[in-house]
PDB file of all heavy atoms in Angstrom:
ATOM      1  N   ASP A   1     -12.368 -41.988 -47.559  1.00  0.00           N
ATOM      2  CA  ASP A   1     -11.043 -41.974 -48.158  1.00  0.00           C
ATOM      3  C   ASP A   1     -10.712 -40.629 -48.808  1.00  0.00           C
ATOM      4  O   ASP A   1      -9.816 -40.523 -49.629  1.00  0.00           O
ATOM      5  CB  ASP A   1     -10.888 -43.107 -49.174  1.00  0.00           C
ATOM      6  CG  ASP A   1     -11.878 -43.016 -50.326  1.00  0.00           C
ATOM      7  OD1 ASP A   1     -12.704 -42.077 -50.339  1.00  0.00           O
ATOM      8  OD2 ASP A   1     -11.826 -43.877 -51.215  1.00  0.00           O
ATOM      9  N   GLY A   2     -11.426 -39.592 -48.399  1.00  0.00           N
ATOM     10  CA  GLY A   2     -11.163 -38.249 -48.900  1.00  0.00           C
ATOM     11  C   GLY A   2     -10.514 -37.397 -47.826  1.00  0.00           C
ATOM     12  O   GLY A   2      -9.732 -37.890 -47.025  1.00  0.00           O
ATOM     13  N   VAL A   3     -10.847 -36.122 -47.821  1.00  0.00           N
ATOM     14  CA  VAL A   3     -10.299 -35.174 -46.854  1.00  0.00           C
ATOM     15  C   VAL A   3     -11.273 -35.072 -45.684  1.00  0.00           C
ATOM     16  O   VAL A   3     -12.461 -34.828 -45.878  1.00  0.00           O
ATOM     17  CB  VAL A   3     -10.073 -33.785 -47.495  1.00  0.00           C
ATOM     18  CG1 VAL A   3      -9.441 -32.830 -46.488  1.00  0.00           C
ATOM     19  CG2 VAL A   3      -9.192 -33.908 -48.734  1.00  0.00           C
ATOM     20  N   LEU A   4     -10.761 -35.249 -44.495  1.00  0.00           N
ATOM     21  CA  LEU A   4     -11.586 -35.288 -43.294  1.00  0.00           C
ATOM     22  C   LEU A   4     -11.215 -34.142 -42.360  1.00  0.00           C
ATOM     23  O   LEU A   4     -10.042 -33.943 -42.053  1.00  0.00           O
ATOM     24  CB  LEU A   4     -11.377 -36.631 -42.580  1.00  0.00           C
ATOM     25  CG  LEU A   4     -12.143 -36.875 -41.292  1.00  0.00           C
ATOM     26  CD1 LEU A   4     -13.648 -36.866 -41.543  1.00  0.00           C
ATOM     27  CD2 LEU A   4     -11.704 -38.209 -40.681  1.00  0.00           C
ATOM     28  N   ALA A   5     -12.224 -33.392 -41.907  1.00  0.00           N
ATOM     29  CA  ALA A   5     -12.033 -32.332 -40.917  1.00  0.00           C
ATOM     30  C   ALA A   5     -12.628 -32.798 -39.591  1.00  0.00           C
ATOM     31  O   ALA A   5     -13.799 -33.176 -39.539  1.00  0.00           O
ATOM     32  CB  ALA A   5     -12.718 -31.055 -41.378  1.00  0.00           C
ATOM     33  N   LEU A   6     -11.814 -32.780 -38.555  1.00  0.00           N
ATOM     34  CA  LEU A   6     -12.283 -33.175 -37.229  1.00  0.00           C
ATOM     35  C   LEU A   6     -12.689 -31.951 -36.426  1.00  0.00           C
ATOM     36  O   LEU A   6     -12.102 -30.877 -36.586  1.00  0.00           O
ATOM     37  CB  LEU A   6     -11.170 -33.899 -36.456  1.00  0.00           C
ATOM     38  CG  LEU A   6     -11.118 -35.417 -36.581  1.00  0.00           C
ATOM     39  CD1 LEU A   6     -10.948 -35.844 -38.015  1.00  0.00           C
ATOM     40  CD2 LEU A   6     -10.025 -35.985 -35.719  1.00  0.00           C
ATOM     41  N   GLY A   7     -13.661 -32.139 -35.543  1.00  0.00           N
ATOM     42  CA  GLY A   7     -14.021 -31.084 -34.605  1.00  0.00           C
ATOM     43  C   GLY A   7     -12.810 -30.742 -33.746  1.00  0.00           C
ATOM     44  O   GLY A   7     -11.961 -31.603 -33.483  1.00  0.00           O
ATOM     45  N   GLY A   8     -12.726 -29.509 -33.304  1.00  0.00           N
ATOM     46  CA  GLY A   8     -11.554 -29.026 -32.589  1.00  0.00           C
ATOM     47  C   GLY A   8     -11.169 -29.816 -31.362  1.00  0.00           C
ATOM     48  O   GLY A   8      -9.992 -29.981 -31.065  1.00  0.00           O
ATOM     49  N   GLY A   9     -12.156 -30.336 -30.624  1.00  0.00           N
ATOM     50  CA  GLY A   9     -11.862 -31.058 -29.393  1.00  0.00           C
ATOM     51  C   GLY A   9     -11.762 -32.557 -29.541  1.00  0.00           C
ATOM     52  O   GLY A   9     -11.480 -33.264 -28.569  1.00  0.00           O
ATOM     53  N   ALA A  10     -11.951 -33.055 -30.740  1.00  0.00           N
ATOM     54  CA  ALA A  10     -11.935 -34.510 -30.955  1.00  0.00           C
ATOM     55  C   ALA A  10     -10.621 -35.133 -30.497  1.00  0.00           C
ATOM     56  O   ALA A  10     -10.599 -36.261 -30.004  1.00  0.00           O
ATOM     57  CB  ALA A  10     -12.188 -34.833 -32.423  1.00  0.00           C
ATOM     58  N   VAL A  11      -9.535 -34.387 -30.635  1.00  0.00           N
ATOM     59  CA  VAL A  11      -8.213 -34.930 -30.304  1.00  0.00           C
ATOM     60  C   VAL A  11      -8.014 -35.166 -28.809  1.00  0.00           C
ATOM     61  O   VAL A  11      -7.052 -35.813 -28.419  1.00  0.00           O
ATOM     62  CB  VAL A  11      -7.079 -34.026 -30.816  1.00  0.00           C
ATOM     63  CG1 VAL A  11      -7.124 -33.883 -32.324  1.00  0.00           C
ATOM     64  CG2 VAL A  11      -7.111 -32.665 -30.140  1.00  0.00           C
ATOM     65  N   LEU A  12      -8.909 -34.665 -27.981  1.00  0.00           N
ATOM     66  CA  LEU A  12      -8.739 -34.836 -26.537  1.00  0.00           C
ATOM     67  C   LEU A  12      -9.116 -36.230 -26.060  1.00  0.00           C
ATOM     68  O   LEU A  12      -8.702 -36.653 -24.987  1.00  0.00           O
ATOM     69  CB  LEU A  12      -9.555 -33.792 -25.774  1.00  0.00           C
ATOM     70  CG  LEU A  12      -9.131 -32.344 -26.033  1.00  0.00           C
ATOM     71  CD1 LEU A  12     -10.021 -31.389 -25.257  1.00  0.00           C
ATOM     72  CD2 LEU A  12      -7.673 -32.137 -25.678  1.00  0.00           C
ATOM     73  N   ASP A  13      -9.870 -36.968 -26.850  1.00  0.00           N
ATOM     74  CA  ASP A  13     -10.289 -38.305 -26.472  1.00  0.00           C
ATOM     75  C   ASP A  13      -9.126 -39.282 -26.668  1.00  0.00           C
ATOM     76  O   ASP A  13      -8.561 -39.348 -27.763  1.00  0.00           O
ATOM     77  CB  ASP A  13     -11.482 -38.735 -27.335  1.00  0.00           C
ATOM     78  CG  ASP A  13     -11.957 -40.117 -26.958  1.00  0.00           C
ATOM     79  OD1 ASP A  13     -12.701 -40.225 -25.974  1.00  0.00           O
ATOM     80  OD2 ASP A  13     -11.551 -41.086 -27.645  1.00  0.00           O
ATOM     81  N   PRO A  14      -8.752 -40.041 -25.631  1.00  0.00           N
ATOM     82  CA  PRO A  14      -7.624 -40.976 -25.759  1.00  0.00           C
ATOM     83  C   PRO A  14      -7.803 -42.002 -26.882  1.00  0.00           C
ATOM     84  O   PRO A  14      -6.831 -42.337 -27.573  1.00  0.00           O
ATOM     85  CB  PRO A  14      -7.553 -41.662 -24.390  1.00  0.00           C
ATOM     86  CG  PRO A  14      -8.192 -40.691 -23.451  1.00  0.00           C
ATOM     87  CD  PRO A  14      -9.260 -39.993 -24.263  1.00  0.00           C
ATOM     88  N   GLN A  15      -9.019 -42.487 -27.088  1.00  0.00           N
ATOM     89  CA  GLN A  15      -9.248 -43.445 -28.174  1.00  0.00           C
ATOM     90  C   GLN A  15      -9.041 -42.781 -29.534  1.00  0.00           C
ATOM     91  O   GLN A  15      -8.481 -43.387 -30.457  1.00  0.00           O
ATOM     92  CB  GLN A  15     -10.655 -44.034 -28.087  1.00  0.00           C
ATOM     93  CG  GLN A  15     -10.860 -44.945 -26.896  1.00  0.00           C
ATOM     94  CD  GLN A  15     -12.309 -45.422 -26.779  1.00  0.00           C
ATOM     95  OE1 GLN A  15     -13.166 -45.081 -27.583  1.00  0.00           O
ATOM     96  NE2 GLN A  15     -12.567 -46.224 -25.747  1.00  0.00           N
ATOM     97  N   THR A  16      -9.475 -41.547 -29.650  1.00  0.00           N
ATOM     98  CA  THR A  16      -9.279 -40.814 -30.901  1.00  0.00           C
ATOM     99  C   THR A  16      -7.798 -40.527 -31.117  1.00  0.00           C
ATOM    100  O   THR A  16      -7.293 -40.646 -32.232  1.00  0.00           O
ATOM    101  CB  THR A  16     -10.109 -39.519 -30.908  1.00  0.00           C
ATOM    102  OG1 THR A  16     -11.498 -39.870 -30.831  1.00  0.00           O
ATOM    103  CG2 THR A  16      -9.868 -38.693 -32.158  1.00  0.00           C
ATOM    104  N   GLN A  17      -7.084 -40.173 -30.064  1.00  0.00           N
ATOM    105  CA  GLN A  17      -5.641 -39.961 -30.190  1.00  0.00           C
ATOM    106  C   GLN A  17      -4.956 -41.223 -30.706  1.00  0.00           C
ATOM    107  O   GLN A  17      -4.118 -41.156 -31.617  1.00  0.00           O
ATOM    108  CB  GLN A  17      -5.034 -39.571 -28.841  1.00  0.00           C
ATOM    109  CG  GLN A  17      -5.411 -38.204 -28.372  1.00  0.00           C
ATOM    110  CD  GLN A  17      -4.929 -37.910 -26.964  1.00  0.00           C
ATOM    111  OE1 GLN A  17      -3.973 -38.518 -26.478  1.00  0.00           O
ATOM    112  NE2 GLN A  17      -5.585 -36.978 -26.304  1.00  0.00           N
ATOM    113  N   ASP A  18      -5.329 -42.370 -30.150  1.00  0.00           N
ATOM    114  CA  ASP A  18      -4.753 -43.639 -30.619  1.00  0.00           C
ATOM    115  C   ASP A  18      -5.091 -43.884 -32.085  1.00  0.00           C
ATOM    116  O   ASP A  18      -4.237 -44.315 -32.864  1.00  0.00           O
ATOM    117  CB  ASP A  18      -5.245 -44.811 -29.764  1.00  0.00           C
ATOM    118  CG  ASP A  18      -4.665 -44.806 -28.357  1.00  0.00           C
ATOM    119  OD1 ASP A  18      -3.654 -44.108 -28.113  1.00  0.00           O
ATOM    120  OD2 ASP A  18      -5.240 -45.509 -27.487  1.00  0.00           O
ATOM    121  N   ALA A  19      -6.338 -43.601 -32.456  1.00  0.00           N
ATOM    122  CA  ALA A  19      -6.758 -43.799 -33.846  1.00  0.00           C
ATOM    123  C   ALA A  19      -5.983 -42.871 -34.785  1.00  0.00           C
ATOM    124  O   ALA A  19      -5.573 -43.290 -35.877  1.00  0.00           O
ATOM    125  CB  ALA A  19      -8.265 -43.564 -33.979  1.00  0.00           C
ATOM    126  N   LEU A  20      -5.762 -41.638 -34.358  1.00  0.00           N
ATOM    127  CA  LEU A  20      -5.014 -40.692 -35.185  1.00  0.00           C
ATOM    128  C   LEU A  20      -3.557 -41.121 -35.331  1.00  0.00           C
ATOM    129  O   LEU A  20      -2.978 -41.030 -36.419  1.00  0.00           O
ATOM    130  CB  LEU A  20      -5.091 -39.280 -34.602  1.00  0.00           C
ATOM    131  CG  LEU A  20      -6.463 -38.622 -34.627  1.00  0.00           C
ATOM    132  CD1 LEU A  20      -6.431 -37.276 -33.915  1.00  0.00           C
ATOM    133  CD2 LEU A  20      -6.959 -38.458 -36.045  1.00  0.00           C
ATOM    134  N   ARG A  21      -2.964 -41.585 -34.250  1.00  0.00           N
ATOM    135  CA  ARG A  21      -1.582 -42.078 -34.322  1.00  0.00           C
ATOM    136  C   ARG A  21      -1.482 -43.268 -35.272  1.00  0.00           C
ATOM    137  O   ARG A  21      -0.560 -43.348 -36.085  1.00  0.00           O
ATOM    138  CB  ARG A  21      -1.076 -42.466 -32.940  1.00  0.00           C
ATOM    139  CG  ARG A  21      -0.750 -41.296 -32.058  1.00  0.00           C
ATOM    140  CD  ARG A  21      -0.128 -41.774 -30.730  1.00  0.00           C
ATOM    141  NE  ARG A  21      -0.274 -40.744 -29.743  1.00  0.00           N
ATOM    142  CZ  ARG A  21      -1.218 -40.720 -28.789  1.00  0.00           C
ATOM    143  NH1 ARG A  21      -2.091 -41.704 -28.675  1.00  0.00           N
ATOM    144  NH2 ARG A  21      -1.272 -39.719 -27.943  1.00  0.00           N
ATOM    145  N   SER A  22      -2.435 -44.189 -35.167  1.00  0.00           N
ATOM    146  CA  SER A  22      -2.435 -45.360 -36.054  1.00  0.00           C
ATOM    147  C   SER A  22      -2.615 -44.935 -37.501  1.00  0.00           C
ATOM    148  O   SER A  22      -1.938 -45.458 -38.397  1.00  0.00           O
ATOM    149  CB  SER A  22      -3.550 -46.335 -35.657  1.00  0.00           C
ATOM    150  OG  SER A  22      -3.292 -46.890 -34.399  1.00  0.00           O
ATOM    151  N   TYR A  23      -3.499 -44.008 -37.723  1.00  0.00           N
ATOM    152  CA  TYR A  23      -3.741 -43.490 -39.073  1.00  0.00           C
ATOM    153  C   TYR A  23      -2.457 -42.862 -39.621  1.00  0.00           C
ATOM    154  O   TYR A  23      -2.026 -43.159 -40.737  1.00  0.00           O
ATOM    155  CB  TYR A  23      -4.884 -42.473 -39.018  1.00  0.00           C
ATOM    156  CG  TYR A  23      -5.197 -41.802 -40.324  1.00  0.00           C
ATOM    157  CD1 TYR A  23      -5.908 -42.459 -41.322  1.00  0.00           C
ATOM    158  CD2 TYR A  23      -4.796 -40.491 -40.560  1.00  0.00           C
ATOM    159  CE1 TYR A  23      -6.208 -41.831 -42.534  1.00  0.00           C
ATOM    160  CE2 TYR A  23      -5.094 -39.855 -41.758  1.00  0.00           C
ATOM    161  CZ  TYR A  23      -5.791 -40.529 -42.732  1.00  0.00           C
ATOM    162  OH  TYR A  23      -6.085 -39.905 -43.919  1.00  0.00           O
ATOM    163  N   ARG A  24      -1.848 -41.996 -38.824  1.00  0.00           N
ATOM    164  CA  ARG A  24      -0.607 -41.318 -39.219  1.00  0.00           C
ATOM    165  C   ARG A  24       0.521 -42.324 -39.437  1.00  0.00           C
ATOM    166  O   ARG A  24       1.218 -42.288 -40.448  1.00  0.00           O
ATOM    167  CB  ARG A  24      -0.216 -40.305 -38.145  1.00  0.00           C
ATOM    168  CG  ARG A  24       1.107 -39.579 -38.392  1.00  0.00           C
ATOM    169  CD  ARG A  24       1.659 -38.970 -37.125  1.00  0.00           C
ATOM    170  NE  ARG A  24       1.994 -40.029 -36.180  1.00  0.00           N
ATOM    171  CZ  ARG A  24       2.030 -39.870 -34.860  1.00  0.00           C
ATOM    172  NH1 ARG A  24       1.721 -38.724 -34.312  1.00  0.00           N
ATOM    173  NH2 ARG A  24       2.362 -40.871 -34.084  1.00  0.00           N
ATOM    174  N   ASP A  25       0.685 -43.241 -38.495  1.00  0.00           N
ATOM    175  CA  ASP A  25       1.773 -44.213 -38.575  1.00  0.00           C
ATOM    176  C   ASP A  25       1.564 -45.210 -39.709  1.00  0.00           C
ATOM    177  O   ASP A  25       2.518 -45.817 -40.187  1.00  0.00           O
ATOM    178  CB  ASP A  25       1.948 -44.932 -37.239  1.00  0.00           C
ATOM    179  CG  ASP A  25       2.392 -43.977 -36.125  1.00  0.00           C
ATOM    180  OD1 ASP A  25       2.816 -42.848 -36.435  1.00  0.00           O
ATOM    181  OD2 ASP A  25       2.297 -44.382 -34.946  1.00  0.00           O
ATOM    182  N   GLY A  26       0.307 -45.347 -40.144  1.00  0.00           N
ATOM    183  CA  GLY A  26      -0.008 -46.214 -41.272  1.00  0.00           C
ATOM    184  C   GLY A  26       0.111 -45.517 -42.620  1.00  0.00           C
ATOM    185  O   GLY A  26      -0.287 -46.060 -43.640  1.00  0.00           O
ATOM    186  N   GLY A  27       0.603 -44.297 -42.627  1.00  0.00           N
ATOM    187  CA  GLY A  27       0.799 -43.569 -43.881  1.00  0.00           C
ATOM    188  C   GLY A  27      -0.212 -42.476 -44.136  1.00  0.00           C
ATOM    189  O   GLY A  27      -0.101 -41.745 -45.120  1.00  0.00           O
ATOM    190  N   GLY A  28      -1.219 -42.332 -43.266  1.00  0.00           N
ATOM    191  CA  GLY A  28      -2.177 -41.249 -43.421  1.00  0.00           C
ATOM    192  C   GLY A  28      -1.561 -39.923 -43.008  1.00  0.00           C
ATOM    193  O   GLY A  28      -0.580 -39.874 -42.270  1.00  0.00           O
ATOM    194  N   VAL A  29      -2.132 -38.854 -43.502  1.00  0.00           N
ATOM    195  CA  VAL A  29      -1.611 -37.515 -43.215  1.00  0.00           C
ATOM    196  C   VAL A  29      -2.565 -36.805 -42.267  1.00  0.00           C
ATOM    197  O   VAL A  29      -3.762 -36.705 -42.536  1.00  0.00           O
ATOM    198  CB  VAL A  29      -1.455 -36.697 -44.518  1.00  0.00           C
ATOM    199  CG1 VAL A  29      -1.004 -35.280 -44.206  1.00  0.00           C
ATOM    200  CG2 VAL A  29      -0.475 -37.383 -45.447  1.00  0.00           C
ATOM    201  N   VAL A  30      -2.013 -36.309 -41.161  1.00  0.00           N
ATOM    202  CA  VAL A  30      -2.772 -35.519 -40.197  1.00  0.00           C
ATOM    203  C   VAL A  30      -2.154 -34.122 -40.193  1.00  0.00           C
ATOM    204  O   VAL A  30      -0.989 -33.964 -39.826  1.00  0.00           O
ATOM    205  CB  VAL A  30      -2.724 -36.137 -38.780  1.00  0.00           C
ATOM    206  CG1 VAL A  30      -3.532 -35.279 -37.810  1.00  0.00           C
ATOM    207  CG2 VAL A  30      -3.218 -37.578 -38.794  1.00  0.00           C
ATOM    208  N   VAL A  31      -2.934 -33.139 -40.625  1.00  0.00           N
ATOM    209  CA  VAL A  31      -2.455 -31.764 -40.723  1.00  0.00           C
ATOM    210  C   VAL A  31      -3.056 -30.946 -39.584  1.00  0.00           C
ATOM    211  O   VAL A  31      -4.283 -30.849 -39.454  1.00  0.00           O
ATOM    212  CB  VAL A  31      -2.842 -31.126 -42.074  1.00  0.00           C
ATOM    213  CG1 VAL A  31      -2.353 -29.677 -42.152  1.00  0.00           C
ATOM    214  CG2 VAL A  31      -2.283 -31.951 -43.233  1.00  0.00           C
ATOM    215  N   PHE A  32      -2.174 -30.375 -38.775  1.00  0.00           N
ATOM    216  CA  PHE A  32      -2.589 -29.468 -37.703  1.00  0.00           C
ATOM    217  C   PHE A  32      -2.665 -28.067 -38.299  1.00  0.00           C
ATOM    218  O   PHE A  32      -1.649 -27.479 -38.661  1.00  0.00           O
ATOM    219  CB  PHE A  32      -1.595 -29.539 -36.546  1.00  0.00           C
ATOM    220  CG  PHE A  32      -1.690 -28.427 -35.518  1.00  0.00           C
ATOM    221  CD1 PHE A  32      -2.872 -27.743 -35.259  1.00  0.00           C
ATOM    222  CD2 PHE A  32      -0.570 -28.081 -34.768  1.00  0.00           C
ATOM    223  CE1 PHE A  32      -2.950 -26.735 -34.310  1.00  0.00           C
ATOM    224  CE2 PHE A  32      -0.623 -27.080 -33.812  1.00  0.00           C
ATOM    225  CZ  PHE A  32      -1.813 -26.406 -33.585  1.00  0.00           C
ATOM    226  N   LEU A  33      -3.890 -27.552 -38.431  1.00  0.00           N
ATOM    227  CA  LEU A  33      -4.089 -26.178 -38.880  1.00  0.00           C
ATOM    228  C   LEU A  33      -4.017 -25.276 -37.659  1.00  0.00           C
ATOM    229  O   LEU A  33      -4.915 -25.268 -36.820  1.00  0.00           O
ATOM    230  CB  LEU A  33      -5.439 -26.015 -39.581  1.00  0.00           C
ATOM    231  CG  LEU A  33      -5.628 -26.764 -40.890  1.00  0.00           C
ATOM    232  CD1 LEU A  33      -6.983 -26.423 -41.504  1.00  0.00           C
ATOM    233  CD2 LEU A  33      -4.500 -26.482 -41.865  1.00  0.00           C
TER     234      LEU A  33
END
């Protein structure tokens, strides 16, 4: 429940993309550096 840094290529996995969308759509913040 803190600040999470993902590996650069993690976003390429379709399951991870879905998880990130759900996280974002549920009120979580995803920051693209």
